[in-house]
Amino acid sequence: DVQVSLADLSQRLASESTDQTTPGVLLFAEESVSYQTLFTVLDQITLAGIHDISLQAKLKK
């Protein structure tokens, strides 16, 4: 895993996805992450030109 600051996220995703015709992202968020933070991250992903986004969740046991 690599940590990337929110300010650098869009640029990093764009540079990592240049060789893919339809890049996608699997987004995992812990339960403690606020909706505001989650939507800010989603905005950064779409700013990078990535529109295939899958939100992932773990099932509670």
N, C-alpha and C. Protein backbone atom coordinates (compact mmCIF):
# COMPACT_ATOMS: atom_id res chain seq x y z
N ASP A 1 0.83 -1.18 0.00
CA ASP A 1 0.00 0.00 0.00
C ASP A 1 0.88 1.25 0.00
N VAL A 2 0.43 2.25 -0.73
CA VAL A 2 1.16 3.51 -0.81
C VAL A 2 0.24 4.62 -0.34
N GLN A 3 0.71 5.44 0.58
CA GLN A 3 -0.09 6.58 1.02
C GLN A 3 0.13 7.74 0.06
N VAL A 4 -0.98 8.38 -0.33
CA VAL A 4 -0.93 9.54 -1.22
C VAL A 4 -1.80 10.61 -0.57
N SER A 5 -1.30 11.83 -0.53
CA SER A 5 -2.10 12.90 0.07
C SER A 5 -3.30 13.20 -0.81
N LEU A 6 -4.34 13.73 -0.20
CA LEU A 6 -5.55 14.07 -0.94
C LEU A 6 -5.25 15.09 -2.04
N ALA A 7 -4.33 16.01 -1.76
CA ALA A 7 -3.96 17.03 -2.74
C ALA A 7 -3.30 16.43 -3.98
N ASP A 8 -2.62 15.30 -3.81
CA ASP A 8 -1.90 14.66 -4.92
C ASP A 8 -2.67 13.50 -5.56
N LEU A 9 -3.81 13.14 -4.99
CA LEU A 9 -4.52 11.94 -5.41
C LEU A 9 -4.92 11.96 -6.88
N SER A 10 -5.56 13.02 -7.32
CA SER A 10 -6.04 13.10 -8.70
C SER A 10 -4.90 12.97 -9.71
N GLN A 11 -3.81 13.69 -9.47
CA GLN A 11 -2.66 13.65 -10.38
C GLN A 11 -2.02 12.26 -10.37
N ARG A 12 -1.91 11.65 -9.21
CA ARG A 12 -1.30 10.32 -9.10
C ARG A 12 -2.14 9.27 -9.83
N LEU A 13 -3.47 9.34 -9.65
CA LEU A 13 -4.34 8.39 -10.33
C LEU A 13 -4.28 8.57 -11.85
N ALA A 14 -4.27 9.81 -12.30
CA ALA A 14 -4.20 10.08 -13.73
C ALA A 14 -2.91 9.53 -14.32
N SER A 15 -1.79 9.71 -13.63
CA SER A 15 -0.51 9.22 -14.16
C SER A 15 -0.43 7.70 -14.12
N GLU A 16 -1.06 7.08 -13.14
CA GLU A 16 -1.03 5.62 -13.03
C GLU A 16 -1.96 4.93 -14.03
N SER A 17 -2.93 5.66 -14.58
CA SER A 17 -3.93 5.02 -15.44
C SER A 17 -3.78 5.37 -16.92
N THR A 18 -2.67 5.97 -17.31
CA THR A 18 -2.50 6.40 -18.70
C THR A 18 -2.45 5.25 -19.69
N ASP A 19 -2.02 4.08 -19.27
CA ASP A 19 -1.91 2.95 -20.20
C ASP A 19 -3.17 2.08 -20.25
N GLN A 20 -4.23 2.50 -19.60
CA GLN A 20 -5.47 1.73 -19.57
C GLN A 20 -6.55 2.46 -20.36
N THR A 21 -7.30 1.73 -21.17
CA THR A 21 -8.36 2.38 -21.95
C THR A 21 -9.55 2.76 -21.08
N THR A 22 -9.91 1.92 -20.13
CA THR A 22 -11.00 2.24 -19.20
C THR A 22 -10.54 1.93 -17.78
N PRO A 23 -9.79 2.86 -17.19
CA PRO A 23 -9.27 2.61 -15.84
C PRO A 23 -10.41 2.56 -14.82
N GLY A 24 -10.20 1.80 -13.78
CA GLY A 24 -11.20 1.69 -12.72
C GLY A 24 -10.54 1.71 -11.36
N VAL A 25 -11.36 1.94 -10.35
CA VAL A 25 -10.88 2.02 -8.98
C VAL A 25 -11.81 1.21 -8.08
N LEU A 26 -11.23 0.41 -7.21
CA LEU A 26 -11.97 -0.23 -6.13
C LEU A 26 -11.70 0.60 -4.88
N LEU A 27 -12.73 1.17 -4.30
CA LEU A 27 -12.57 2.07 -3.16
C LEU A 27 -13.08 1.39 -1.89
N PHE A 28 -12.17 1.19 -0.96
CA PHE A 28 -12.49 0.63 0.35
C PHE A 28 -12.41 1.75 1.37
N ALA A 29 -13.39 1.88 2.24
CA ALA A 29 -13.37 2.90 3.28
C ALA A 29 -13.76 2.27 4.61
N GLU A 30 -13.06 2.65 5.64
CA GLU A 30 -13.40 2.16 6.97
C GLU A 30 -14.69 2.83 7.43
N GLU A 31 -15.35 2.18 8.35
CA GLU A 31 -16.63 2.67 8.87
C GLU A 31 -16.51 4.06 9.48
N SER A 32 -15.34 4.40 9.99
CA SER A 32 -15.15 5.69 10.66
C SER A 32 -14.96 6.86 9.69
N VAL A 33 -14.81 6.59 8.40
CA VAL A 33 -14.61 7.66 7.41
C VAL A 33 -15.93 8.41 7.20
N SER A 34 -15.87 9.74 7.28
CA SER A 34 -17.08 10.54 7.11
C SER A 34 -17.52 10.56 5.65
N TYR A 35 -18.81 10.82 5.46
CA TYR A 35 -19.33 10.94 4.09
C TYR A 35 -18.64 12.07 3.35
N GLN A 36 -18.34 13.17 4.04
CA GLN A 36 -17.67 14.30 3.40
C GLN A 36 -16.32 13.87 2.84
N THR A 37 -15.55 13.14 3.62
CA THR A 37 -14.25 12.66 3.17
C THR A 37 -14.40 11.69 2.01
N LEU A 38 -15.36 10.79 2.11
CA LEU A 38 -15.60 9.82 1.05
C LEU A 38 -15.94 10.52 -0.27
N PHE A 39 -16.82 11.52 -0.22
CA PHE A 39 -17.19 12.24 -1.44
C PHE A 39 -16.05 13.11 -1.97
N THR A 40 -15.21 13.60 -1.09
CA THR A 40 -14.02 14.36 -1.54
C THR A 40 -13.09 13.44 -2.31
N VAL A 41 -12.89 12.22 -1.82
CA VAL A 41 -12.05 11.24 -2.51
C VAL A 41 -12.69 10.86 -3.85
N LEU A 42 -14.00 10.63 -3.87
CA LEU A 42 -14.69 10.32 -5.12
C LEU A 42 -14.52 11.45 -6.14
N ASP A 43 -14.59 12.69 -5.70
CA ASP A 43 -14.38 13.83 -6.59
C ASP A 43 -12.98 13.82 -7.18
N GLN A 44 -11.97 13.50 -6.37
CA GLN A 44 -10.60 13.45 -6.85
C GLN A 44 -10.41 12.33 -7.88
N ILE A 45 -11.09 11.23 -7.67
CA ILE A 45 -11.00 10.11 -8.63
C ILE A 45 -11.59 10.52 -9.97
N THR A 46 -12.76 11.16 -9.96
CA THR A 46 -13.37 11.58 -11.23
C THR A 46 -12.59 12.70 -11.89
N LEU A 47 -11.95 13.57 -11.10
CA LEU A 47 -11.09 14.60 -11.69
C LEU A 47 -9.91 13.98 -12.43
N ALA A 48 -9.50 12.80 -12.04
CA ALA A 48 -8.41 12.09 -12.70
C ALA A 48 -8.88 11.43 -14.00
N GLY A 49 -10.18 11.56 -14.30
CA GLY A 49 -10.71 10.97 -15.52
C GLY A 49 -11.16 9.53 -15.36
N ILE A 50 -11.29 9.09 -14.14
CA ILE A 50 -11.71 7.72 -13.87
C ILE A 50 -13.18 7.74 -13.46
N HIS A 51 -13.98 7.00 -14.21
CA HIS A 51 -15.42 7.00 -13.94
C HIS A 51 -15.94 5.61 -13.58
N ASP A 52 -15.09 4.61 -13.68
CA ASP A 52 -15.45 3.25 -13.29
C ASP A 52 -15.00 3.05 -11.85
N ILE A 53 -15.90 3.36 -10.91
CA ILE A 53 -15.57 3.33 -9.48
C ILE A 53 -16.49 2.34 -8.79
N SER A 54 -15.90 1.45 -8.03
CA SER A 54 -16.67 0.46 -7.28
C SER A 54 -16.41 0.65 -5.79
N LEU A 55 -17.47 0.97 -5.05
CA LEU A 55 -17.35 1.09 -3.60
C LEU A 55 -17.43 -0.31 -3.00
N GLN A 56 -16.49 -0.63 -2.14
CA GLN A 56 -16.39 -1.96 -1.55
C GLN A 56 -16.71 -1.90 -0.06
N ALA A 57 -17.31 -2.95 0.46
CA ALA A 57 -17.61 -3.01 1.89
C ALA A 57 -17.38 -4.43 2.38
N LYS A 58 -16.99 -4.53 3.63
CA LYS A 58 -16.85 -5.83 4.27
C LYS A 58 -18.17 -6.15 4.97
N LEU A 59 -18.59 -7.39 4.87
CA LEU A 59 -19.79 -7.82 5.56
C LEU A 59 -19.50 -7.96 7.05
N LYS A 60 -20.44 -7.51 7.87
CA LYS A 60 -20.30 -7.70 9.30
C LYS A 60 -20.62 -9.15 9.63
N LYS A 61 -19.87 -9.71 10.54
CA LYS A 61 -20.09 -11.11 10.92
C LYS A 61 -20.95 -11.19 12.15
